[in-house]
């Protein structure tokens, strides 16, 4: 990325013209949600970024979070029941005691995230990427069938 930026800026510098570059945080803020409220039930938050966001106890139930990014986000005790998290990325995020019942987490990237005490009855984790210890812990309490996809939670987690 640095090389590409230099290639684009070099001709401007050589001809004595000033150049301005957009930094990574400026690019990210275009998709970052600025209006965080404790009750976000049913909202369309597709592809929004929640970087280091404190969403503890938030109501995100029935929310469309497809493609959303939750890097090092705190979702402890959050209500995500019935939420659509398909293709979401949640790296090093905390879902402890969150309600993920009937949530769809298909193809979600959930590496280094924690789900201690999370309610997962009816959640669909089909093709989600989880750390093995988290997968085993979730399998120990997995139950139900997702109301929207018809997928059994234990099957979606590849429980044995």
C-alpha atoms as a PDB file:
ATOM      1  CA  UNK A   1       0.000   0.000   0.000  1.00  0.00           C
ATOM      2  CA  UNK A   2       2.849   2.365   0.818  1.00  0.00           C
ATOM      3  CA  UNK A   3       4.488   1.628  -2.530  1.00  0.00           C
ATOM      4  CA  UNK A   4       1.206   2.367  -4.356  1.00  0.00           C
ATOM      5  CA  UNK A   5       0.826   5.655  -2.480  1.00  0.00           C
ATOM      6  CA  UNK A   6       4.394   6.688  -3.354  1.00  0.00           C
ATOM      7  CA  UNK A   7       3.862   5.836  -7.025  1.00  0.00           C
ATOM      8  CA  UNK A   8       0.769   8.030  -7.085  1.00  0.00           C
ATOM      9  CA  UNK A   9       2.347  10.917  -5.163  1.00  0.00           C
ATOM     10  CA  UNK A  10       5.820  10.928  -6.749  1.00  0.00           C
ATOM     11  CA  UNK A  11       4.793  12.689 -10.015  1.00  0.00           C
ATOM     12  CA  UNK A  12       3.078  15.442  -8.016  1.00  0.00           C
ATOM     13  CA  UNK A  13       6.144  15.979  -5.838  1.00  0.00           C
ATOM     14  CA  UNK A  14       8.491  16.018  -8.842  1.00  0.00           C
ATOM     15  CA  UNK A  15       6.434  18.740 -10.547  1.00  0.00           C
ATOM     16  CA  UNK A  16       6.337  20.874  -7.404  1.00  0.00           C
ATOM     17  CA  UNK A  17       2.625  20.428  -6.739  1.00  0.00           C
ATOM     18  CA  UNK A  18       1.357  19.778  -3.251  1.00  0.00           C
ATOM     19  CA  UNK A  19      -0.290  16.459  -2.561  1.00  0.00           C
ATOM     20  CA  UNK A  20      -2.576  15.224   0.171  1.00  0.00           C
ATOM     21  CA  UNK A  21      -3.094  11.622   1.065  1.00  0.00           C
ATOM     22  CA  UNK A  22      -6.055  10.045   2.810  1.00  0.00           C
ATOM     23  CA  UNK A  23      -4.900   8.156   5.863  1.00  0.00           C
ATOM     24  CA  UNK A  24      -6.270   4.777   6.878  1.00  0.00           C
ATOM     25  CA  UNK A  25      -8.356   6.188   9.783  1.00  0.00           C
ATOM     26  CA  UNK A  26      -9.969   8.681   7.413  1.00  0.00           C
ATOM     27  CA  UNK A  27     -10.866   5.887   5.032  1.00  0.00           C
ATOM     28  CA  UNK A  28     -12.256   3.740   7.849  1.00  0.00           C
ATOM     29  CA  UNK A  29     -14.434   6.522   9.224  1.00  0.00           C
ATOM     30  CA  UNK A  30     -16.420   6.558   6.001  1.00  0.00           C
ATOM     31  CA  UNK A  31     -17.916   3.215   7.039  1.00  0.00           C
ATOM     32  CA  UNK A  32     -17.744   3.607  10.810  1.00  0.00           C
ATOM     33  CA  UNK A  33     -21.015   4.146  12.563  1.00  0.00           C
ATOM     34  CA  UNK A  34     -20.840   7.367  14.535  1.00  0.00           C
ATOM     35  CA  UNK A  35     -24.343   7.233  16.024  1.00  0.00           C
ATOM     36  CA  UNK A  36     -24.110   4.433  18.600  1.00  0.00           C
ATOM     37  CA  UNK A  37     -27.215   4.069  20.745  1.00  0.00           C
ATOM     38  CA  UNK A  38     -28.059   1.392  23.333  1.00  0.00           C
ATOM     39  CA  UNK A  39     -31.226   0.471  21.381  1.00  0.00           C
ATOM     40  CA  UNK A  40     -30.343  -0.353  17.785  1.00  0.00           C
ATOM     41  CA  UNK A  41     -32.987  -3.061  17.389  1.00  0.00           C
ATOM     42  CA  UNK A  42     -33.851  -3.936  13.794  1.00  0.00           C
ATOM     43  CA  UNK A  43     -31.528  -1.415  12.132  1.00  0.00           C
ATOM     44  CA  UNK A  44     -29.692  -1.966   8.868  1.00  0.00           C
ATOM     45  CA  UNK A  45     -26.008  -1.837   9.815  1.00  0.00           C
ATOM     46  CA  UNK A  46     -24.575  -3.786   6.890  1.00  0.00           C
ATOM     47  CA  UNK A  47     -20.801  -3.451   6.459  1.00  0.00           C
ATOM     48  CA  UNK A  48     -20.463  -0.975   9.319  1.00  0.00           C
ATOM     49  CA  UNK A  49     -17.248  -0.971  11.328  1.00  0.00           C
ATOM     50  CA  UNK A  50     -17.221  -1.168  15.105  1.00  0.00           C
ATOM     51  CA  UNK A  51     -13.509  -0.851  15.897  1.00  0.00           C
ATOM     52  CA  UNK A  52     -12.842  -1.017  19.642  1.00  0.00           C
ATOM     53  CA  UNK A  53     -16.514  -0.127  20.158  1.00  0.00           C
ATOM     54  CA  UNK A  54     -18.098  -0.611  23.572  1.00  0.00           C
ATOM     55  CA  UNK A  55     -21.475  -2.186  22.766  1.00  0.00           C
ATOM     56  CA  UNK A  56     -21.870  -3.833  26.158  1.00  0.00           C
ATOM     57  CA  UNK A  57     -25.543  -4.499  26.873  1.00  0.00           C
ATOM     58  CA  UNK A  58     -26.690  -2.953  23.564  1.00  0.00           C
ATOM     59  CA  UNK A  59     -29.877  -4.201  21.891  1.00  0.00           C
ATOM     60  CA  UNK A  60     -28.842  -5.313  18.407  1.00  0.00           C
ATOM     61  CA  UNK A  61     -31.628  -7.878  18.092  1.00  0.00           C
ATOM     62  CA  UNK A  62     -33.059  -8.461  14.600  1.00  0.00           C
ATOM     63  CA  UNK A  63     -30.311  -6.170  13.235  1.00  0.00           C
ATOM     64  CA  UNK A  64     -28.820  -6.632   9.757  1.00  0.00           C
ATOM     65  CA  UNK A  65     -25.076  -6.794  10.436  1.00  0.00           C
ATOM     66  CA  UNK A  66     -24.036  -8.658   7.291  1.00  0.00           C
ATOM     67  CA  UNK A  67     -20.393  -7.899   6.510  1.00  0.00           C
ATOM     68  CA  UNK A  68     -19.952  -5.789   9.646  1.00  0.00           C
ATOM     69  CA  UNK A  69     -16.537  -5.591  11.307  1.00  0.00           C
ATOM     70  CA  UNK A  70     -16.151  -5.855  15.090  1.00  0.00           C
ATOM     71  CA  UNK A  71     -12.414  -5.680  15.802  1.00  0.00           C
ATOM     72  CA  UNK A  72     -11.647  -5.764  19.532  1.00  0.00           C
ATOM     73  CA  UNK A  73     -15.252  -4.775  20.219  1.00  0.00           C
ATOM     74  CA  UNK A  74     -16.997  -5.340  23.552  1.00  0.00           C
ATOM     75  CA  UNK A  75     -20.369  -7.027  22.986  1.00  0.00           C
ATOM     76  CA  UNK A  76     -20.630  -8.515  26.468  1.00  0.00           C
ATOM     77  CA  UNK A  77     -24.258  -8.931  27.481  1.00  0.00           C
ATOM     78  CA  UNK A  78     -25.463  -7.552  24.137  1.00  0.00           C
ATOM     79  CA  UNK A  79     -28.747  -8.759  22.679  1.00  0.00           C
ATOM     80  CA  UNK A  80     -28.008 -10.116  19.197  1.00  0.00           C
ATOM     81  CA  UNK A  81     -30.969 -12.489  19.064  1.00  0.00           C
ATOM     82  CA  UNK A  82     -32.188 -12.948  15.505  1.00  0.00           C
ATOM     83  CA  UNK A  83     -29.394 -10.719  14.160  1.00  0.00           C
ATOM     84  CA  UNK A  84     -27.900 -11.457  10.736  1.00  0.00           C
ATOM     85  CA  UNK A  85     -24.103 -11.542  11.095  1.00  0.00           C
ATOM     86  CA  UNK A  86     -23.415 -13.395   7.862  1.00  0.00           C
ATOM     87  CA  UNK A  87     -19.909 -12.642   6.534  1.00  0.00           C
ATOM     88  CA  UNK A  88     -19.158 -10.501   9.611  1.00  0.00           C
ATOM     89  CA  UNK A  89     -15.654 -10.195  11.016  1.00  0.00           C
ATOM     90  CA  UNK A  90     -15.233 -10.170  14.779  1.00  0.00           C
ATOM     91  CA  UNK A  91     -11.538 -10.385  15.599  1.00  0.00           C
ATOM     92  CA  UNK A  92     -10.636 -10.416  19.304  1.00  0.00           C
ATOM     93  CA  UNK A  93     -14.127  -9.343  20.314  1.00  0.00           C
ATOM     94  CA  UNK A  94     -16.011 -10.252  23.502  1.00  0.00           C
ATOM     95  CA  UNK A  95     -19.445 -11.889  23.249  1.00  0.00           C
ATOM     96  CA  UNK A  96     -19.478 -13.073  26.876  1.00  0.00           C
ATOM     97  CA  UNK A  97     -23.058 -13.483  28.145  1.00  0.00           C
ATOM     98  CA  UNK A  98     -24.421 -12.117  24.862  1.00  0.00           C
ATOM     99  CA  UNK A  99     -27.717 -13.414  23.475  1.00  0.00           C
ATOM    100  CA  UNK A 100     -26.982 -14.948  20.066  1.00  0.00           C
ATOM    101  CA  UNK A 101     -30.148 -17.075  19.997  1.00  0.00           C
ATOM    102  CA  UNK A 102     -31.390 -17.552  16.424  1.00  0.00           C
ATOM    103  CA  UNK A 103     -28.576 -15.335  15.094  1.00  0.00           C
ATOM    104  CA  UNK A 104     -27.104 -16.168  11.697  1.00  0.00           C
ATOM    105  CA  UNK A 105     -23.294 -16.207  11.750  1.00  0.00           C
ATOM    106  CA  UNK A 106     -22.690 -17.981   8.434  1.00  0.00           C
ATOM    107  CA  UNK A 107     -19.182 -17.444   7.026  1.00  0.00           C
ATOM    108  CA  UNK A 108     -18.309 -15.161   9.949  1.00  0.00           C
ATOM    109  CA  UNK A 109     -14.649 -14.774  10.893  1.00  0.00           C
ATOM    110  CA  UNK A 110     -14.619 -15.028  14.704  1.00  0.00           C
ATOM    111  CA  UNK A 111     -10.934 -15.610  15.477  1.00  0.00           C
ATOM    112  CA  UNK A 112      -9.700 -14.738  18.982  1.00  0.00           C
ATOM    113  CA  UNK A 113     -13.249 -13.872  20.051  1.00  0.00           C
ATOM    114  CA  UNK A 114     -14.737 -15.125  23.332  1.00  0.00           C
ATOM    115  CA  UNK A 115     -18.257 -16.481  23.887  1.00  0.00           C
ATOM    116  CA  UNK A 116     -18.205 -17.415  27.590  1.00  0.00           C
ATOM    117  CA  UNK A 117     -21.770 -17.828  28.799  1.00  0.00           C
ATOM    118  CA  UNK A 118     -23.290 -16.668  25.498  1.00  0.00           C
ATOM    119  CA  UNK A 119     -26.788 -17.930  24.676  1.00  0.00           C
ATOM    120  CA  UNK A 120     -26.533 -19.728  21.320  1.00  0.00           C
ATOM    121  CA  UNK A 121     -29.765 -21.748  21.081  1.00  0.00           C
ATOM    122  CA  UNK A 122     -30.755 -21.806  17.426  1.00  0.00           C
ATOM    123  CA  UNK A 123     -27.683 -19.885  16.232  1.00  0.00           C
ATOM    124  CA  UNK A 124     -26.364 -20.842  12.774  1.00  0.00           C
ATOM    125  CA  UNK A 125     -22.531 -20.955  12.671  1.00  0.00           C
ATOM    126  CA  UNK A 126     -22.307 -22.660   9.245  1.00  0.00           C
ATOM    127  CA  UNK A 127     -18.776 -22.171   7.817  1.00  0.00           C
ATOM    128  CA  UNK A 128     -17.880 -19.683  10.571  1.00  0.00           C
ATOM    129  CA  UNK A 129     -14.212 -19.632  11.573  1.00  0.00           C
ATOM    130  CA  UNK A 130     -13.744 -20.059  15.328  1.00  0.00           C
ATOM    131  CA  UNK A 131     -10.799 -20.921  17.528  1.00  0.00           C
ATOM    132  CA  UNK A 132     -10.957 -24.644  18.365  1.00  0.00           C
ATOM    133  CA  UNK A 133     -11.315 -24.122  22.162  1.00  0.00           C
ATOM    134  CA  UNK A 134     -14.237 -21.742  21.556  1.00  0.00           C
ATOM    135  CA  UNK A 135     -15.860 -24.179  19.136  1.00  0.00           C
ATOM    136  CA  UNK A 136     -15.621 -26.990  21.696  1.00  0.00           C
ATOM    137  CA  UNK A 137     -17.020 -24.775  24.443  1.00  0.00           C
ATOM    138  CA  UNK A 138     -19.930 -23.731  22.227  1.00  0.00           C
ATOM    139  CA  UNK A 139     -20.600 -27.371  21.286  1.00  0.00           C
ATOM    140  CA  UNK A 140     -20.914 -28.260  24.958  1.00  0.00           C
ATOM    141  CA  UNK A 141     -24.044 -26.097  25.208  1.00  0.00           C
ATOM    142  CA  UNK A 142     -25.301 -25.944  21.609  1.00  0.00           C
ATOM    143  CA  UNK A 143     -28.992 -26.655  21.083  1.00  0.00           C
ATOM    144  CA  UNK A 144     -31.903 -25.750  18.858  1.00  0.00           C
ATOM    145  CA  UNK A 145     -32.514 -25.052  15.208  1.00  0.00           C
ATOM    146  CA  UNK A 146     -32.255 -21.644  13.550  1.00  0.00           C
ATOM    147  CA  UNK A 147     -35.743 -20.327  12.813  1.00  0.00           C
ATOM    148  CA  UNK A 148     -34.687 -18.614   9.559  1.00  0.00           C
ATOM    149  CA  UNK A 149     -32.204 -21.082   8.027  1.00  0.00           C
ATOM    150  CA  UNK A 150     -33.514 -24.356   9.495  1.00  0.00           C
ATOM    151  CA  UNK A 151     -29.957 -25.371  10.432  1.00  0.00           C
ATOM    152  CA  UNK A 152     -29.342 -27.240  13.694  1.00  0.00           C
ATOM    153  CA  UNK A 153     -26.880 -25.305  15.870  1.00  0.00           C
ATOM    154  CA  UNK A 154     -24.821 -28.410  16.749  1.00  0.00           C
ATOM    155  CA  UNK A 155     -24.505 -29.295  13.050  1.00  0.00           C
ATOM    156  CA  UNK A 156     -23.460 -25.743  12.132  1.00  0.00           C
ATOM    157  CA  UNK A 157     -20.644 -25.952  14.703  1.00  0.00           C
ATOM    158  CA  UNK A 158     -19.553 -29.389  13.452  1.00  0.00           C
ATOM    159  CA  UNK A 159     -20.041 -30.814  16.945  1.00  0.00           C
ATOM    160  CA  UNK A 160     -19.283 -34.514  17.448  1.00  0.00           C
END
